[in-house]
Amino acid sequence: MLRSTRDRIAAATGALFVVLVTVGNQIDVSGTDQSAQPTGASVLHDAAAQAHSTSAQIGFLLEFLGFMAFVVFLGYLLDLRRRTSTPGSGAVASATAVCAGLTMLTIKLGSAVPMGAVLLDHAGMSPELARVLSDMGEVAFVLGWLPYAVFVGAAALGLHRARLVGRPTAIIGAVVGAAGLVLALIGVENPINGNPMAWMAGLLWTLVVSVRLAVRPGAARQEAPEPSPGRVTATA
């Protein structure tokens, strides 16, 4: 049974990831221009304010810690794959989920580089360059929806095949993953008008499943009972 304290804490890191990233992002961008495509002057103005804002630094730190929590959650899923890697247990789906999650994490962390450059050099940067770097971060943000959609869909299948979540949860995850793939592909073509609903639904699904696994870890692979002493097994 997957009921140890370690398993519960590791499972809860998925929910921690969602909470920290969501809250941290809201704190980080509070007071900045939230238009779909801000002007270069607006980007520079926001960068100047954020560079000296304690709340923005706290928000960035929370987001970073959230992604680190996601690394732990992926490790937990990888360990589940090892413990439930029997025929038909969804080992391939679980491995796919972990790879997709790592890909999303790489893209998300990389998306911080352009805006980091703006924060560092905003004083001597032209509005045109600031806008280009801001757009690069926006494109990377939308691009990250694609592997996360694969993560949600594959995790739903793998956890269901391992008997760790029920059929309704698996179906919802598969639907959210499929919708995420479609919206991500559309969004990559036109990031400015990208629809984040599937991304947000995927975060909500991760939050619910993480809490579910932390509260009721369920059973992994159960060993066959050993024959009782003295019991004779009939042979043909």
Protein backbone atom coordinates (compact mmCIF):
# COMPACT_ATOMS: atom_id res chain seq x y z
CA MET A 1 0.00 0.00 0.00
CA LEU A 2 1.22 3.49 -0.83
CA ARG A 3 0.36 4.96 2.54
CA SER A 4 3.67 6.04 4.06
CA THR A 5 4.22 9.60 5.25
CA ARG A 6 6.81 10.03 2.51
CA ASP A 7 4.29 9.06 -0.16
CA ARG A 8 1.68 11.43 1.19
CA ILE A 9 4.08 14.37 1.30
CA ALA A 10 5.43 13.60 -2.17
CA ALA A 11 1.90 13.33 -3.57
CA ALA A 12 0.97 16.68 -2.01
CA THR A 13 3.77 18.46 -3.90
CA GLY A 14 1.56 18.46 -7.00
CA ALA A 15 -1.00 20.60 -5.19
CA LEU A 16 1.80 22.73 -3.75
CA PHE A 17 3.08 23.35 -7.28
CA VAL A 18 -0.31 24.61 -8.46
CA VAL A 19 -0.86 26.85 -5.43
CA LEU A 20 2.62 28.38 -5.41
CA VAL A 21 2.74 29.02 -9.15
CA THR A 22 -0.76 30.53 -9.23
CA VAL A 23 -0.33 32.73 -6.17
CA GLY A 24 3.25 33.66 -7.03
CA ASN A 25 2.32 34.72 -10.56
CA GLN A 26 -0.53 36.90 -9.30
CA ILE A 27 1.79 38.62 -6.83
CA ASP A 28 4.57 38.99 -9.40
CA VAL A 29 2.44 40.67 -12.07
CA SER A 30 0.30 42.71 -9.71
CA GLY A 31 0.13 46.30 -10.90
CA THR A 32 1.68 45.60 -14.31
CA ASP A 33 0.13 46.03 -17.76
CA GLN A 34 -2.03 42.93 -18.32
CA SER A 35 -2.97 43.68 -21.92
CA ALA A 36 -2.51 40.94 -24.51
CA GLN A 37 0.41 42.74 -26.18
CA PRO A 38 1.81 45.63 -24.11
CA THR A 39 3.88 48.31 -25.76
CA GLY A 40 7.62 48.42 -25.31
CA ALA A 41 7.33 51.52 -23.15
CA SER A 42 4.84 49.75 -20.91
CA VAL A 43 7.15 46.73 -20.59
CA LEU A 44 10.04 48.97 -19.56
CA HIS A 45 7.86 50.86 -17.08
CA ASP A 46 6.72 47.59 -15.47
CA ALA A 47 10.28 46.25 -15.40
CA ALA A 48 11.51 49.36 -13.60
CA ALA A 49 8.76 48.98 -10.99
CA GLN A 50 9.30 45.24 -10.54
CA ALA A 51 13.07 45.57 -10.21
CA HIS A 52 12.58 47.49 -6.96
CA SER A 53 9.41 45.75 -5.77
CA THR A 54 9.64 43.40 -2.79
CA SER A 55 6.27 41.88 -3.63
CA ALA A 56 7.41 41.08 -7.19
CA GLN A 57 10.52 39.38 -5.83
CA ILE A 58 8.39 37.35 -3.41
CA GLY A 59 6.05 36.38 -6.25
CA PHE A 60 8.96 35.25 -8.42
CA LEU A 61 10.38 33.22 -5.54
CA LEU A 62 7.03 31.52 -4.95
CA GLU A 63 6.77 30.64 -8.64
CA PHE A 64 10.28 29.19 -8.63
CA LEU A 65 9.55 27.13 -5.51
CA GLY A 66 6.36 25.94 -7.18
CA PHE A 67 8.24 24.58 -10.16
CA MET A 68 10.71 22.90 -7.83
CA ALA A 69 7.75 21.25 -6.08
CA PHE A 70 6.66 20.00 -9.51
CA VAL A 71 10.06 18.33 -9.89
CA VAL A 72 9.38 16.41 -6.67
CA PHE A 73 5.91 15.49 -7.92
CA LEU A 74 7.38 14.12 -11.14
CA GLY A 75 9.82 12.09 -9.07
CA TYR A 76 6.88 10.72 -7.11
CA LEU A 77 5.13 9.70 -10.32
CA LEU A 78 8.34 8.08 -11.56
CA ASP A 79 8.57 6.09 -8.34
CA LEU A 80 4.94 5.04 -8.77
CA ARG A 81 5.81 3.80 -12.25
CA ARG A 82 8.59 1.67 -10.79
CA ARG A 83 6.32 0.17 -8.13
CA THR A 84 3.41 -0.48 -10.47
CA SER A 85 5.31 -1.57 -13.58
CA THR A 86 3.36 -4.74 -14.27
CA PRO A 87 1.79 -5.66 -17.64
CA GLY A 88 -1.24 -3.44 -18.23
CA SER A 89 -0.42 -1.13 -15.32
CA GLY A 90 0.16 1.97 -17.47
CA ALA A 91 3.95 2.10 -17.13
CA VAL A 92 4.38 3.60 -20.61
CA ALA A 93 1.76 6.28 -19.94
CA SER A 94 3.38 7.15 -16.61
CA ALA A 95 6.82 7.45 -18.22
CA THR A 96 5.32 9.65 -20.95
CA ALA A 97 3.75 11.88 -18.29
CA VAL A 98 7.08 12.34 -16.52
CA CYS A 99 8.91 13.18 -19.77
CA ALA A 100 6.18 15.64 -20.79
CA GLY A 101 6.27 17.23 -17.34
CA LEU A 102 10.03 17.71 -17.55
CA THR A 103 9.65 19.25 -21.01
CA MET A 104 7.04 21.69 -19.71
CA LEU A 105 9.28 22.57 -16.79
CA THR A 106 12.23 23.26 -19.10
CA ILE A 107 10.13 25.55 -21.29
CA LYS A 108 8.64 27.41 -18.33
CA LEU A 109 11.99 28.03 -16.69
CA GLY A 110 13.45 29.07 -20.03
CA SER A 111 10.61 31.54 -20.55
CA ALA A 112 11.92 33.55 -17.59
CA VAL A 113 15.16 34.36 -19.44
CA PRO A 114 13.80 37.09 -21.78
CA MET A 115 12.02 38.95 -19.00
CA GLY A 116 15.03 38.47 -16.75
CA ALA A 117 17.09 40.30 -19.36
CA VAL A 118 14.52 43.12 -19.40
CA LEU A 119 14.68 43.43 -15.61
CA LEU A 120 18.47 43.57 -15.66
CA ASP A 121 18.92 46.01 -18.57
CA HIS A 122 15.69 48.02 -18.62
CA ALA A 123 17.51 51.28 -17.89
CA GLY A 124 19.44 51.22 -21.21
CA MET A 125 17.07 49.12 -23.33
CA SER A 126 15.03 50.41 -26.24
CA PRO A 127 11.24 49.95 -26.17
CA GLU A 128 11.42 47.90 -29.36
CA LEU A 129 13.83 45.36 -27.87
CA ALA A 130 11.81 45.24 -24.65
CA ARG A 131 8.68 44.41 -26.63
CA VAL A 132 10.47 41.66 -28.56
CA LEU A 133 11.73 40.06 -25.36
CA SER A 134 8.28 40.32 -23.79
CA ASP A 135 6.75 38.62 -26.83
CA MET A 136 9.37 35.84 -26.60
CA GLY A 137 8.27 35.15 -23.04
CA GLU A 138 4.61 35.11 -24.13
CA VAL A 139 5.32 32.63 -26.92
CA ALA A 140 7.25 30.37 -24.53
CA PHE A 141 4.38 30.54 -22.04
CA VAL A 142 1.89 29.35 -24.67
CA LEU A 143 4.32 26.72 -25.97
CA GLY A 144 4.47 25.24 -22.47
CA TRP A 145 0.77 24.38 -22.70
CA LEU A 146 1.56 21.65 -25.23
CA PRO A 147 3.72 19.32 -23.07
CA TYR A 148 1.56 20.04 -20.04
CA ALA A 149 -1.50 18.82 -21.94
CA VAL A 150 0.41 15.61 -22.73
CA PHE A 151 1.38 15.35 -19.07
CA VAL A 152 -2.23 15.59 -17.87
CA GLY A 153 -3.57 13.11 -20.42
CA ALA A 154 -0.77 10.56 -19.92
CA ALA A 155 -0.86 10.90 -16.12
CA ALA A 156 -4.61 10.31 -16.14
CA LEU A 157 -4.19 7.10 -18.13
CA GLY A 158 -1.18 5.87 -16.15
CA LEU A 159 -2.73 6.50 -12.73
CA HIS A 160 -5.98 4.83 -13.76
CA ARG A 161 -4.23 1.75 -15.15
CA ALA A 162 -2.28 1.54 -11.88
CA ARG A 163 -5.61 1.67 -9.99
CA LEU A 164 -4.71 4.90 -8.22
CA VAL A 165 -7.54 7.07 -9.57
CA GLY A 166 -11.05 6.19 -10.68
CA ARG A 167 -12.49 6.14 -14.19
CA PRO A 168 -14.23 9.57 -13.94
CA THR A 169 -10.98 11.25 -12.90
CA ALA A 170 -9.12 9.52 -15.72
CA ILE A 171 -11.73 10.51 -18.30
CA ILE A 172 -11.69 14.14 -17.17
CA GLY A 173 -7.89 14.17 -17.35
CA ALA A 174 -7.93 12.66 -20.84
CA VAL A 175 -10.47 15.22 -22.05
CA VAL A 176 -8.53 18.12 -20.51
CA GLY A 177 -5.32 16.80 -22.07
CA ALA A 178 -6.89 16.48 -25.51
CA ALA A 179 -8.42 19.95 -25.28
CA GLY A 180 -5.08 21.31 -24.12
CA LEU A 181 -3.32 19.87 -27.17
CA VAL A 182 -5.81 21.51 -29.53
CA LEU A 183 -5.77 24.90 -27.81
CA ALA A 184 -1.97 24.84 -27.48
CA LEU A 185 -1.52 24.17 -31.21
CA ILE A 186 -3.94 26.98 -32.01
CA GLY A 187 -2.25 29.26 -29.50
CA VAL A 188 1.24 28.67 -30.92
CA GLU A 189 -0.02 29.98 -34.26
CA ASN A 190 -1.36 33.12 -32.60
CA PRO A 191 -0.03 33.47 -29.02
CA ILE A 192 -1.65 36.86 -28.49
CA ASN A 193 -5.13 35.31 -28.71
CA GLY A 194 -4.23 32.00 -27.08
CA ASN A 195 -6.92 30.46 -24.87
CA PRO A 196 -5.53 29.41 -21.47
CA MET A 197 -8.67 27.59 -20.28
CA ALA A 198 -7.28 24.08 -20.88
CA TRP A 199 -4.00 25.03 -19.15
CA MET A 200 -5.97 26.25 -16.13
CA ALA A 201 -8.19 23.15 -16.19
CA GLY A 202 -5.04 21.01 -16.27
CA LEU A 203 -3.70 22.81 -13.20
CA LEU A 204 -7.01 22.21 -11.43
CA TRP A 205 -6.94 18.52 -12.37
CA THR A 206 -3.38 18.22 -11.03
CA LEU A 207 -4.43 19.92 -7.80
CA VAL A 208 -7.39 17.55 -7.27
CA VAL A 209 -5.43 14.40 -8.11
CA SER A 210 -2.51 15.45 -5.91
CA VAL A 211 -4.82 15.98 -2.93
CA ARG A 212 -6.60 12.70 -3.70
CA LEU A 213 -3.32 10.76 -3.71
CA ALA A 214 -2.11 12.49 -0.53
CA VAL A 215 -5.33 11.80 1.40
CA ARG A 216 -6.15 8.38 -0.06
CA PRO A 217 -2.99 7.01 -1.67
CA GLY A 218 -4.70 3.79 -2.77
CA ALA A 219 -3.06 0.50 -3.55
CA ALA A 220 -0.22 -0.13 -5.89
CA ARG A 221 0.84 -3.55 -6.99
CA GLN A 222 -0.33 -6.10 -4.46
CA GLU A 223 1.72 -9.21 -3.96
CA ALA A 224 0.01 -12.56 -4.32
CA PRO A 225 -0.65 -14.16 -0.91
CA GLU A 226 1.70 -16.92 0.07
CA PRO A 227 0.15 -20.35 0.65
CA SER A 228 -0.56 -21.15 4.27
CA PRO A 229 1.83 -23.60 5.97
CA GLY A 230 0.59 -27.10 5.70
CA ARG A 231 -1.71 -26.36 2.78
CA VAL A 232 -1.20 -28.79 -0.06
CA THR A 233 -1.65 -27.53 -3.60
CA ALA A 234 -3.27 -30.02 -5.87
CA THR A 235 -1.45 -30.82 -9.07
CA ALA A 236 -2.77 -32.40 -12.18
